[in-house]
Amino acid sequence: MTAVPVAPHDAPGPPRPNRSTAWRRNRAYVAGLSPTAVLLALFFVAPAGWAVYASFTNRALLGMAAREPRFVGLENYRKLFSDPDLATVLLNSLAFVVGSAMIGQFLLGLALALLLDHAENRRYRLTPLVYAAVLLAWVNPSVIAGFQWVAMFDFYYGSLNEVLNRFGFASVNWLGDYPMLSVIIVNVWRGTAFAMLIFLGALRTIPSQVYEAARIDGAGAARRFWDHTLPNLRHIAVLVLLSVTMSTFGTFILIQTLTNGGPGIQTETIALYAYHQAFRDYDIAYGSTIAVVMLAINFAFAGFYLRVSRPKV
């Protein structure tokens, strides 16, 4: 009598570990991640929870509402969505994030990483100087960087207008006529180093044999970039785009130093608007409401990027 072979899917698999076994196996990882989890809870989750709570009250920085805030329900949210300045603030934030993060920092960081990687492979001597110059802009505190660029943008004695005058061009009122472009330029200058560092590290993980095989097949530099470099950078690119978008969306100190949201509210982003409402107008509850909306928008950005980066089956 011939034995019937057992189908692969009918073959008994390895025994599944129970919860206690899994816990003993992973407790070292849990212990290592616990300090990070505590810090995240202390400095991110707890403030976010407090902001959600404050958005349903009339809490203020001064007066009786500071001492004894009361619950007001959705009043702050109704006030926010009927605010005549909200549409302008959101459009300013969108322009700032798209111009500074998605186009400026992301693309310039990728370009600089490719150039530095190529220069290091060719052993160019000036490569460390370029690397240091980009990093110096990043480690500069926001307030100091803002004052530096205020001096450079100055209409009468600024460095940029001095250069324009040397070449026969008229001076430009940068912060008055082109305020959003000016703050985008400064934020790109300061924030590009982060994207550059991540991309540079990712480029070094691509095996050199991949490019050598492509060269043997006759692929030029452009073809190697599209067929090999970009596919290997896809997931890192999504991570970089998510990081620079969320950090740029929350930027306000640099804008406050440069224009303080002006002229008018032409550079008033949602982060700066929340700060002004909470600490200039002393309305903590309304500022917290704006912060909660910012948090929701950040979650939407994160969900979109993670969906785009999900591997296709």
C-alpha atoms as a PDB file:
ATOM      1  CA  MET A   1       0.000   0.000   0.000  1.00  0.00           C
ATOM      2  CA  THR A   2       1.485   3.317  -1.066  1.00  0.00           C
ATOM      3  CA  ALA A   3       1.764   5.999   1.589  1.00  0.00           C
ATOM      4  CA  VAL A   4       0.000   9.265   0.756  1.00  0.00           C
ATOM      5  CA  PRO A   5       2.416  12.209   0.994  1.00  0.00           C
ATOM      6  CA  VAL A   6       1.444  14.948   3.406  1.00  0.00           C
ATOM      7  CA  ALA A   7       0.791  18.307   1.733  1.00  0.00           C
ATOM      8  CA  PRO A   8       3.126  21.081   2.821  1.00  0.00           C
ATOM      9  CA  HIS A   9       0.283  23.069   4.317  1.00  0.00           C
ATOM     10  CA  ASP A  10      -0.789  20.061   6.349  1.00  0.00           C
ATOM     11  CA  ALA A  11       2.668  19.542   7.836  1.00  0.00           C
ATOM     12  CA  PRO A  12       2.841  20.502  11.499  1.00  0.00           C
ATOM     13  CA  GLY A  13       4.687  23.776  12.007  1.00  0.00           C
ATOM     14  CA  PRO A  14       6.966  24.770  14.827  1.00  0.00           C
ATOM     15  CA  PRO A  15       5.244  25.241  18.180  1.00  0.00           C
ATOM     16  CA  ARG A  16       4.063  28.799  18.779  1.00  0.00           C
ATOM     17  CA  PRO A  17       5.664  30.385  21.829  1.00  0.00           C
ATOM     18  CA  ASN A  18       3.316  31.338  24.630  1.00  0.00           C
ATOM     19  CA  ARG A  19       3.209  34.795  26.129  1.00  0.00           C
ATOM     20  CA  SER A  20       5.586  34.070  28.982  1.00  0.00           C
ATOM     21  CA  THR A  21       8.192  32.656  26.583  1.00  0.00           C
ATOM     22  CA  ALA A  22       7.836  35.647  24.276  1.00  0.00           C
ATOM     23  CA  TRP A  23       8.199  38.008  27.239  1.00  0.00           C
ATOM     24  CA  ARG A  24      11.386  36.312  28.460  1.00  0.00           C
ATOM     25  CA  ARG A  25      12.789  36.424  24.946  1.00  0.00           C
ATOM     26  CA  ASN A  26      12.027  40.112  24.401  1.00  0.00           C
ATOM     27  CA  ARG A  27      12.476  41.583  27.879  1.00  0.00           C
ATOM     28  CA  ALA A  28      15.986  42.830  27.039  1.00  0.00           C
ATOM     29  CA  TYR A  29      14.548  44.853  24.139  1.00  0.00           C
ATOM     30  CA  VAL A  30      11.697  46.139  26.305  1.00  0.00           C
ATOM     31  CA  ALA A  31      14.174  47.205  28.997  1.00  0.00           C
ATOM     32  CA  GLY A  32      16.304  49.003  26.420  1.00  0.00           C
ATOM     33  CA  LEU A  33      13.320  50.846  24.947  1.00  0.00           C
ATOM     34  CA  SER A  34      11.706  51.737  28.280  1.00  0.00           C
ATOM     35  CA  PRO A  35      13.718  54.966  28.912  1.00  0.00           C
ATOM     36  CA  THR A  36      12.809  56.213  25.432  1.00  0.00           C
ATOM     37  CA  ALA A  37       9.159  55.358  25.971  1.00  0.00           C
ATOM     38  CA  VAL A  38       9.148  57.192  29.308  1.00  0.00           C
ATOM     39  CA  LEU A  39      10.742  60.295  27.761  1.00  0.00           C
ATOM     40  CA  LEU A  40       8.287  60.271  24.855  1.00  0.00           C
ATOM     41  CA  ALA A  41       5.380  59.963  27.263  1.00  0.00           C
ATOM     42  CA  LEU A  42       6.742  62.727  29.486  1.00  0.00           C
ATOM     43  CA  PHE A  43       7.636  65.294  26.822  1.00  0.00           C
ATOM     44  CA  PHE A  44       5.228  64.479  23.971  1.00  0.00           C
ATOM     45  CA  VAL A  45       2.226  62.410  24.997  1.00  0.00           C
ATOM     46  CA  ALA A  46       1.554  64.230  28.282  1.00  0.00           C
ATOM     47  CA  PRO A  47       1.750  67.773  26.770  1.00  0.00           C
ATOM     48  CA  ALA A  48      -0.452  66.656  23.875  1.00  0.00           C
ATOM     49  CA  GLY A  49      -3.001  65.263  26.307  1.00  0.00           C
ATOM     50  CA  TRP A  50      -2.910  68.469  28.355  1.00  0.00           C
ATOM     51  CA  ALA A  51      -3.439  70.549  25.173  1.00  0.00           C
ATOM     52  CA  VAL A  52      -6.497  68.467  24.272  1.00  0.00           C
ATOM     53  CA  TYR A  53      -7.868  69.011  27.776  1.00  0.00           C
ATOM     54  CA  ALA A  54      -7.146  72.766  27.727  1.00  0.00           C
ATOM     55  CA  SER A  55      -8.857  73.160  24.348  1.00  0.00           C
ATOM     56  CA  PHE A  56     -12.182  72.303  26.007  1.00  0.00           C
ATOM     57  CA  THR A  57     -11.769  74.968  28.706  1.00  0.00           C
ATOM     58  CA  ASN A  58     -11.461  78.742  28.866  1.00  0.00           C
ATOM     59  CA  ARG A  59      -7.984  78.609  30.438  1.00  0.00           C
ATOM     60  CA  ALA A  60      -6.024  81.847  30.136  1.00  0.00           C
ATOM     61  CA  LEU A  61      -2.575  83.025  31.129  1.00  0.00           C
ATOM     62  CA  LEU A  62      -3.905  85.836  33.339  1.00  0.00           C
ATOM     63  CA  GLY A  63      -7.078  86.609  35.267  1.00  0.00           C
ATOM     64  CA  MET A  64      -9.763  84.434  36.801  1.00  0.00           C
ATOM     65  CA  ALA A  65      -9.663  81.984  33.877  1.00  0.00           C
ATOM     66  CA  ALA A  66      -6.049  81.237  34.765  1.00  0.00           C
ATOM     67  CA  ARG A  67      -6.926  80.463  38.372  1.00  0.00           C
ATOM     68  CA  GLU A  68     -10.251  78.709  37.909  1.00  0.00           C
ATOM     69  CA  PRO A  69     -10.750  77.578  34.290  1.00  0.00           C
ATOM     70  CA  ARG A  70     -14.135  76.148  33.397  1.00  0.00           C
ATOM     71  CA  PHE A  71     -15.272  73.636  30.805  1.00  0.00           C
ATOM     72  CA  VAL A  72     -16.657  75.257  27.632  1.00  0.00           C
ATOM     73  CA  GLY A  73     -17.081  72.243  25.345  1.00  0.00           C
ATOM     74  CA  LEU A  74     -16.513  72.881  21.629  1.00  0.00           C
ATOM     75  CA  GLU A  75     -16.623  76.676  21.917  1.00  0.00           C
ATOM     76  CA  ASN A  76     -12.927  77.113  21.076  1.00  0.00           C
ATOM     77  CA  TYR A  77     -13.229  74.860  18.027  1.00  0.00           C
ATOM     78  CA  ARG A  78     -16.249  76.793  16.762  1.00  0.00           C
ATOM     79  CA  LYS A  79     -14.298  79.997  17.280  1.00  0.00           C
ATOM     80  CA  LEU A  80     -11.304  78.607  15.381  1.00  0.00           C
ATOM     81  CA  PHE A  81     -13.224  77.360  12.344  1.00  0.00           C
ATOM     82  CA  SER A  82     -15.036  80.690  12.075  1.00  0.00           C
ATOM     83  CA  ASP A  83     -11.791  82.662  12.470  1.00  0.00           C
ATOM     84  CA  PRO A  84     -11.372  84.904   9.377  1.00  0.00           C
ATOM     85  CA  ASP A  85      -7.579  84.557   9.559  1.00  0.00           C
ATOM     86  CA  LEU A  86      -7.555  80.737   9.629  1.00  0.00           C
ATOM     87  CA  ALA A  87      -7.638  80.262   5.847  1.00  0.00           C
ATOM     88  CA  THR A  88      -4.710  82.646   5.354  1.00  0.00           C
ATOM     89  CA  VAL A  89      -2.730  80.999   8.140  1.00  0.00           C
ATOM     90  CA  LEU A  90      -3.297  77.519   6.669  1.00  0.00           C
ATOM     91  CA  LEU A  91      -2.311  78.680   3.167  1.00  0.00           C
ATOM     92  CA  ASN A  92       0.825  80.297   4.597  1.00  0.00           C
ATOM     93  CA  SER A  93       1.654  77.041   6.396  1.00  0.00           C
ATOM     94  CA  LEU A  94       1.100  75.030   3.220  1.00  0.00           C
ATOM     95  CA  ALA A  95       3.336  77.335   1.169  1.00  0.00           C
ATOM     96  CA  PHE A  96       6.019  77.260   3.858  1.00  0.00           C
ATOM     97  CA  VAL A  97       5.990  73.455   4.191  1.00  0.00           C
ATOM     98  CA  VAL A  98       5.899  72.751   0.443  1.00  0.00           C
ATOM     99  CA  GLY A  99       8.567  75.313  -0.415  1.00  0.00           C
ATOM    100  CA  SER A 100      10.831  74.707   2.557  1.00  0.00           C
ATOM    101  CA  ALA A 101      10.469  70.994   3.346  1.00  0.00           C
ATOM    102  CA  MET A 102       9.135  69.112   0.333  1.00  0.00           C
ATOM    103  CA  ILE A 103      11.007  71.067  -2.336  1.00  0.00           C
ATOM    104  CA  GLY A 104      13.860  72.829  -0.572  1.00  0.00           C
ATOM    105  CA  GLN A 105      15.229  70.606   2.185  1.00  0.00           C
ATOM    106  CA  PHE A 106      14.285  67.286   0.595  1.00  0.00           C
ATOM    107  CA  LEU A 107      15.569  67.906  -2.941  1.00  0.00           C
ATOM    108  CA  LEU A 108      18.573  69.995  -1.918  1.00  0.00           C
ATOM    109  CA  GLY A 109      19.506  67.454   0.768  1.00  0.00           C
ATOM    110  CA  LEU A 110      19.354  64.648  -1.811  1.00  0.00           C
ATOM    111  CA  ALA A 111      21.418  66.663  -4.293  1.00  0.00           C
ATOM    112  CA  LEU A 112      24.067  67.521  -1.702  1.00  0.00           C
ATOM    113  CA  ALA A 113      24.252  63.892  -0.539  1.00  0.00           C
ATOM    114  CA  LEU A 114      24.801  62.702  -4.123  1.00  0.00           C
ATOM    115  CA  LEU A 115      27.463  65.351  -4.724  1.00  0.00           C
ATOM    116  CA  LEU A 116      29.289  64.627  -1.468  1.00  0.00           C
ATOM    117  CA  ASP A 117      29.136  60.885  -2.046  1.00  0.00           C
ATOM    118  CA  HIS A 118      30.580  61.366  -5.536  1.00  0.00           C
ATOM    119  CA  ALA A 119      33.247  63.767  -4.228  1.00  0.00           C
ATOM    120  CA  GLU A 120      34.285  61.376  -1.448  1.00  0.00           C
ATOM    121  CA  ASN A 121      34.580  58.515  -3.920  1.00  0.00           C
ATOM    122  CA  ARG A 122      36.814  60.744  -6.062  1.00  0.00           C
ATOM    123  CA  ARG A 123      38.726  61.893  -2.936  1.00  0.00           C
ATOM    124  CA  TYR A 124      38.263  65.619  -3.580  1.00  0.00           C
ATOM    125  CA  ARG A 125      40.110  67.658  -0.972  1.00  0.00           C
ATOM    126  CA  LEU A 126      37.448  70.318  -0.405  1.00  0.00           C
ATOM    127  CA  THR A 127      34.731  67.794   0.458  1.00  0.00           C
ATOM    128  CA  PRO A 128      35.164  68.134   4.276  1.00  0.00           C
ATOM    129  CA  LEU A 129      34.828  71.936   3.996  1.00  0.00           C
ATOM    130  CA  VAL A 130      31.495  71.671   2.181  1.00  0.00           C
ATOM    131  CA  TYR A 131      30.336  69.058   4.678  1.00  0.00           C
ATOM    132  CA  ALA A 132      31.295  71.300   7.614  1.00  0.00           C
ATOM    133  CA  ALA A 133      29.643  74.381   6.086  1.00  0.00           C
ATOM    134  CA  VAL A 134      26.299  72.605   5.705  1.00  0.00           C
ATOM    135  CA  LEU A 135      26.469  71.195   9.240  1.00  0.00           C
ATOM    136  CA  LEU A 136      27.388  74.597  10.679  1.00  0.00           C
ATOM    137  CA  ALA A 137      24.108  76.030   9.409  1.00  0.00           C
ATOM    138  CA  TRP A 138      22.199  73.174  11.039  1.00  0.00           C
ATOM    139  CA  VAL A 139      23.780  73.414  14.493  1.00  0.00           C
ATOM    140  CA  ASN A 140      23.253  77.177  14.597  1.00  0.00           C
ATOM    141  CA  PRO A 141      20.479  78.057  17.101  1.00  0.00           C
ATOM    142  CA  SER A 142      17.296  79.301  15.433  1.00  0.00           C
ATOM    143  CA  VAL A 143      17.392  82.722  17.092  1.00  0.00           C
ATOM    144  CA  ILE A 144      21.008  83.367  16.085  1.00  0.00           C
ATOM    145  CA  ALA A 145      20.339  82.155  12.545  1.00  0.00           C
ATOM    146  CA  GLY A 146      17.325  84.456  12.344  1.00  0.00           C
ATOM    147  CA  PHE A 147      19.288  87.526  13.425  1.00  0.00           C
ATOM    148  CA  GLN A 148      22.076  86.638  10.987  1.00  0.00           C
ATOM    149  CA  TRP A 149      19.653  86.590   8.109  1.00  0.00           C
ATOM    150  CA  VAL A 150      17.876  89.747   9.277  1.00  0.00           C
ATOM    151  CA  ALA A 151      21.243  91.471   8.895  1.00  0.00           C
ATOM    152  CA  MET A 152      21.764  89.884   5.475  1.00  0.00           C
ATOM    153  CA  PHE A 153      18.273  90.908   4.294  1.00  0.00           C
ATOM    154  CA  ASP A 154      18.637  94.513   5.493  1.00  0.00           C
ATOM    155  CA  PHE A 155      17.592  96.919   2.747  1.00  0.00           C
ATOM    156  CA  TYR A 156      20.363  99.494   3.287  1.00  0.00           C
ATOM    157  CA  TYR A 157      23.359  97.564   4.610  1.00  0.00           C
ATOM    158  CA  GLY A 158      22.487  93.899   4.054  1.00  0.00           C
ATOM    159  CA  SER A 159      25.000  91.560   2.432  1.00  0.00           C
ATOM    160  CA  LEU A 160      22.585  90.389  -0.251  1.00  0.00           C
ATOM    161  CA  ASN A 161      21.832  93.900  -1.451  1.00  0.00           C
ATOM    162  CA  GLU A 162      25.537  94.770  -1.348  1.00  0.00           C
ATOM    163  CA  VAL A 163      26.180  91.905  -3.762  1.00  0.00           C
ATOM    164  CA  LEU A 164      23.296  92.999  -5.993  1.00  0.00           C
ATOM    165  CA  ASN A 165      24.588  96.594  -6.031  1.00  0.00           C
ATOM    166  CA  ARG A 166      28.074  95.414  -7.012  1.00  0.00           C
ATOM    167  CA  PHE A 167      26.586  93.805 -10.122  1.00  0.00           C
ATOM    168  CA  GLY A 168      24.505  96.865 -10.992  1.00  0.00           C
ATOM    169  CA  PHE A 169      21.142  95.720  -9.628  1.00  0.00           C
ATOM    170  CA  ALA A 170      18.853  97.732  -7.359  1.00  0.00           C
ATOM    171  CA  SER A 171      18.400  96.838  -3.697  1.00  0.00           C
ATOM    172  CA  VAL A 172      15.522  94.532  -2.818  1.00  0.00           C
ATOM    173  CA  ASN A 173      13.255  94.854   0.209  1.00  0.00           C
ATOM    174  CA  TRP A 174      13.414  91.121   0.943  1.00  0.00           C
ATOM    175  CA  LEU A 175      11.379  90.943   4.143  1.00  0.00           C
ATOM    176  CA  GLY A 176       8.863  93.535   2.954  1.00  0.00           C
ATOM    177  CA  ASP A 177       8.213  92.514  -0.666  1.00  0.00           C
ATOM    178  CA  TYR A 178       9.083  88.798  -0.548  1.00  0.00           C
ATOM    179  CA  PRO A 179       8.530  87.757   3.091  1.00  0.00           C
ATOM    180  CA  MET A 180       7.447  84.145   2.501  1.00  0.00           C
ATOM    181  CA  LEU A 181      10.240  83.507   0.008  1.00  0.00           C
ATOM    182  CA  SER A 182      12.722  84.963   2.504  1.00  0.00           C
ATOM    183  CA  VAL A 183      11.679  82.728   5.404  1.00  0.00           C
ATOM    184  CA  ILE A 184      11.656  79.695   3.087  1.00  0.00           C
ATOM    185  CA  ILE A 185      15.228  80.465   1.974  1.00  0.00           C
ATOM    186  CA  VAL A 186      16.410  80.748   5.574  1.00  0.00           C
ATOM    187  CA  ASN A 187      14.686  77.552   6.699  1.00  0.00           C
ATOM    188  CA  VAL A 188      16.073  75.628   3.723  1.00  0.00           C
ATOM    189  CA  TRP A 189      19.557  76.961   4.493  1.00  0.00           C
ATOM    190  CA  ARG A 190      19.271  75.847   8.098  1.00  0.00           C
ATOM    191  CA  GLY A 191      17.443  72.535   7.748  1.00  0.00           C
ATOM    192  CA  THR A 192      18.957  70.907   4.660  1.00  0.00           C
ATOM    193  CA  ALA A 193      21.775  69.249   6.627  1.00  0.00           C
ATOM    194  CA  PHE A 194      19.405  66.749   8.268  1.00  0.00           C
ATOM    195  CA  ALA A 195      18.134  65.424   4.927  1.00  0.00           C
ATOM    196  CA  MET A 196      21.670  65.410   3.544  1.00  0.00           C
ATOM    197  CA  LEU A 197      23.008  63.304   6.444  1.00  0.00           C
ATOM    198  CA  ILE A 198      20.233  60.699   6.188  1.00  0.00           C
ATOM    199  CA  PHE A 199      20.573  60.399   2.419  1.00  0.00           C
ATOM    200  CA  LEU A 200      24.358  60.248   2.657  1.00  0.00           C
ATOM    201  CA  GLY A 201      24.167  57.377   5.128  1.00  0.00           C
ATOM    202  CA  ALA A 202      21.653  55.558   2.904  1.00  0.00           C
ATOM    203  CA  LEU A 203      23.837  55.966  -0.189  1.00  0.00           C
ATOM    204  CA  ARG A 204      26.722  54.257   1.589  1.00  0.00           C
ATOM    205  CA  THR A 205      24.599  51.163   2.210  1.00  0.00           C
ATOM    206  CA  ILE A 206      24.099  50.523  -1.520  1.00  0.00           C
ATOM    207  CA  PRO A 207      26.622  47.860  -2.609  1.00  0.00           C
ATOM    208  CA  SER A 208      29.216  49.129  -5.064  1.00  0.00           C
ATOM    209  CA  GLN A 209      28.789  45.903  -7.063  1.00  0.00           C
ATOM    210  CA  VAL A 210      25.358  47.158  -8.153  1.00  0.00           C
ATOM    211  CA  TYR A 211      26.902  50.171  -9.895  1.00  0.00           C
ATOM    212  CA  GLU A 212      29.793  48.164 -11.284  1.00  0.00           C
ATOM    213  CA  ALA A 213      27.370  45.715 -12.914  1.00  0.00           C
ATOM    214  CA  ALA A 214      25.362  48.628 -14.322  1.00  0.00           C
ATOM    215  CA  ARG A 215      28.506  50.170 -15.814  1.00  0.00           C
ATOM    216  CA  ILE A 216      29.419  46.859 -17.437  1.00  0.00           C
ATOM    217  CA  ASP A 217      25.935  46.772 -18.973  1.00  0.00           C
ATOM    218  CA  GLY A 218      26.591  50.231 -20.432  1.00  0.00           C
ATOM    219  CA  ALA A 219      24.306  52.257 -18.144  1.00  0.00           C
ATOM    220  CA  GLY A 220      25.209  55.927 -17.838  1.00  0.00           C
ATOM    221  CA  ALA A 221      25.052  58.057 -14.709  1.00  0.00           C
ATOM    222  CA  ALA A 222      21.406  59.065 -15.249  1.00  0.00           C
ATOM    223  CA  ARG A 223      20.317  55.469 -15.876  1.00  0.00           C
ATOM    224  CA  ARG A 224      22.175  54.232 -12.777  1.00  0.00           C
ATOM    225  CA  PHE A 225      20.477  56.935 -10.717  1.00  0.00           C
ATOM    226  CA  TRP A 226      16.945  56.086 -11.903  1.00  0.00           C
ATOM    227  CA  ASP A 227      17.329  52.301 -11.965  1.00  0.00           C
ATOM    228  CA  HIS A 228      19.441  51.698  -8.864  1.00  0.00           C
ATOM    229  CA  THR A 229      19.894  54.730  -6.603  1.00  0.00           C
ATOM    230  CA  LEU A 230      16.279  55.892  -6.358  1.00  0.00           C
ATOM    231  CA  PRO A 231      14.736  52.417  -5.779  1.00  0.00           C
ATOM    232  CA  ASN A 232      17.237  51.773  -2.973  1.00  0.00           C
ATOM    233  CA  LEU A 233      16.436  55.150  -1.388  1.00  0.00           C
ATOM    234  CA  ARG A 234      12.656  54.862  -1.580  1.00  0.00           C
ATOM    235  CA  HIS A 235      11.892  54.004   2.041  1.00  0.00           C
ATOM    236  CA  ILE A 236      14.570  56.349   3.388  1.00  0.00           C
ATOM    237  CA  ALA A 237      13.156  59.125   1.193  1.00  0.00           C
ATOM    238  CA  VAL A 238       9.707  58.665   2.736  1.00  0.00           C
ATOM    239  CA  LEU A 239      11.219  58.822   6.229  1.00  0.00           C
ATOM    240  CA  VAL A 240      13.147  61.996   5.374  1.00  0.00           C
ATOM    241  CA  LEU A 241      10.103  63.619   3.789  1.00  0.00           C
ATOM    242  CA  LEU A 242       7.968  62.804   6.823  1.00  0.00           C
ATOM    243  CA  SER A 243      10.611  64.120   9.246  1.00  0.00           C
ATOM    244  CA  VAL A 244      11.311  67.415   7.462  1.00  0.00           C
ATOM    245  CA  THR A 245       7.603  68.031   6.829  1.00  0.00           C
ATOM    246  CA  MET A 246       6.613  67.614  10.474  1.00  0.00           C
ATOM    247  CA  SER A 247       9.571  69.607  11.800  1.00  0.00           C
ATOM    248  CA  THR A 248       8.946  72.435   9.311  1.00  0.00           C
ATOM    249  CA  PHE A 249       5.233  72.463  10.102  1.00  0.00           C
ATOM    250  CA  GLY A 250       6.100  73.188  13.739  1.00  0.00           C
ATOM    251  CA  THR A 251       8.717  75.861  13.017  1.00  0.00           C
ATOM    252  CA  PHE A 252       7.947  79.269  14.495  1.00  0.00           C
ATOM    253  CA  ILE A 253      11.035  80.656  16.290  1.00  0.00           C
ATOM    254  CA  LEU A 254      12.861  81.320  13.028  1.00  0.00           C
ATOM    255  CA  ILE A 255       9.828  83.047  11.501  1.00  0.00           C
ATOM    256  CA  GLN A 256       9.242  85.018  14.688  1.00  0.00           C
ATOM    257  CA  THR A 257      12.825  86.304  14.589  1.00  0.00           C
ATOM    258  CA  LEU A 258      12.680  87.210  10.899  1.00  0.00           C
ATOM    259  CA  THR A 259       9.192  88.691  10.426  1.00  0.00           C
ATOM    260  CA  ASN A 260       7.074  87.845  13.510  1.00  0.00           C
ATOM    261  CA  GLY A 261       4.387  86.773  11.034  1.00  0.00           C
ATOM    262  CA  GLY A 262       4.399  90.043   9.085  1.00  0.00           C
ATOM    263  CA  PRO A 263       3.953  92.101   7.085  1.00  0.00           C
ATOM    264  CA  GLY A 264       0.391  91.802   8.352  1.00  0.00           C
ATOM    265  CA  ILE A 265      -0.086  88.044   8.538  1.00  0.00           C
ATOM    266  CA  GLN A 266       1.708  87.171   5.288  1.00  0.00           C
ATOM    267  CA  THR A 267       4.123  84.811   7.074  1.00  0.00           C
ATOM    268  CA  GLU A 268       1.874  83.813   9.984  1.00  0.00           C
ATOM    269  CA  THR A 269       2.016  80.009  10.001  1.00  0.00           C
ATOM    270  CA  ILE A 270      -0.207  77.882  12.200  1.00  0.00           C
ATOM    271  CA  ALA A 271       2.574  77.193  14.722  1.00  0.00           C
ATOM    272  CA  LEU A 272       3.322  80.896  15.118  1.00  0.00           C
ATOM    273  CA  TYR A 273      -0.401  81.648  15.252  1.00  0.00           C
ATOM    274  CA  ALA A 274      -0.829  79.214  18.160  1.00  0.00           C
ATOM    275  CA  TYR A 275       2.104  80.849  19.975  1.00  0.00           C
ATOM    276  CA  HIS A 276       0.707  84.353  19.456  1.00  0.00           C
ATOM    277  CA  GLN A 277      -2.750  83.386  20.673  1.00  0.00           C
ATOM    278  CA  ALA A 278      -1.420  81.630  23.771  1.00  0.00           C
ATOM    279  CA  PHE A 279       1.386  83.958  24.879  1.00  0.00           C
ATOM    280  CA  ARG A 280       0.762  87.290  23.208  1.00  0.00           C
ATOM    281  CA  ASP A 281      -3.013  87.380  23.664  1.00  0.00           C
ATOM    282  CA  TYR A 282      -2.841  85.213  26.862  1.00  0.00           C
ATOM    283  CA  ASP A 283      -5.539  82.850  25.540  1.00  0.00           C
ATOM    284  CA  ILE A 284      -4.081  79.466  26.487  1.00  0.00           C
ATOM    285  CA  ALA A 285      -7.259  77.575  25.596  1.00  0.00           C
ATOM    286  CA  TYR A 286      -7.455  78.997  22.067  1.00  0.00           C
ATOM    287  CA  GLY A 287      -3.736  78.420  21.498  1.00  0.00           C
ATOM    288  CA  SER A 288      -4.169  74.824  22.685  1.00  0.00           C
ATOM    289  CA  THR A 289      -7.055  74.389  20.263  1.00  0.00           C
ATOM    290  CA  ILE A 290      -4.825  75.455  17.377  1.00  0.00           C
ATOM    291  CA  ALA A 291      -2.123  73.084  18.639  1.00  0.00           C
ATOM    292  CA  VAL A 292      -4.609  70.192  18.645  1.00  0.00           C
ATOM    293  CA  VAL A 293      -5.532  70.957  15.037  1.00  0.00           C
ATOM    294  CA  MET A 294      -1.803  71.011  14.210  1.00  0.00           C
ATOM    295  CA  LEU A 295      -1.459  67.598  15.832  1.00  0.00           C
ATOM    296  CA  ALA A 296      -4.322  66.241  13.716  1.00  0.00           C
ATOM    297  CA  ILE A 297      -2.725  67.615  10.542  1.00  0.00           C
ATOM    298  CA  ASN A 298       0.593  66.013  11.512  1.00  0.00           C
ATOM    299  CA  PHE A 299      -1.147  62.662  11.980  1.00  0.00           C
ATOM    300  CA  ALA A 300      -2.725  63.085   8.537  1.00  0.00           C
ATOM    301  CA  PHE A 301       0.699  63.786   7.001  1.00  0.00           C
ATOM    302  CA  ALA A 302       2.186  60.750   8.741  1.00  0.00           C
ATOM    303  CA  GLY A 303      -0.657  58.476   7.655  1.00  0.00           C
ATOM    304  CA  PHE A 304      -0.359  59.619   4.042  1.00  0.00           C
ATOM    305  CA  TYR A 305       3.408  59.123   3.906  1.00  0.00           C
ATOM    306  CA  LEU A 306       3.218  55.712   5.569  1.00  0.00           C
ATOM    307  CA  ARG A 307       0.523  54.620   3.130  1.00  0.00           C
ATOM    308  CA  VAL A 308       2.610  55.725   0.169  1.00  0.00           C
ATOM    309  CA  SER A 309       5.693  53.919   1.514  1.00  0.00           C
ATOM    310  CA  ARG A 310       3.863  50.651   2.182  1.00  0.00           C
ATOM    311  CA  PRO A 311       5.308  47.841   0.010  1.00  0.00           C
ATOM    312  CA  LYS A 312       3.007  46.788  -2.807  1.00  0.00           C
ATOM    313  CA  VAL A 313       2.111  43.091  -2.729  1.00  0.00           C
END
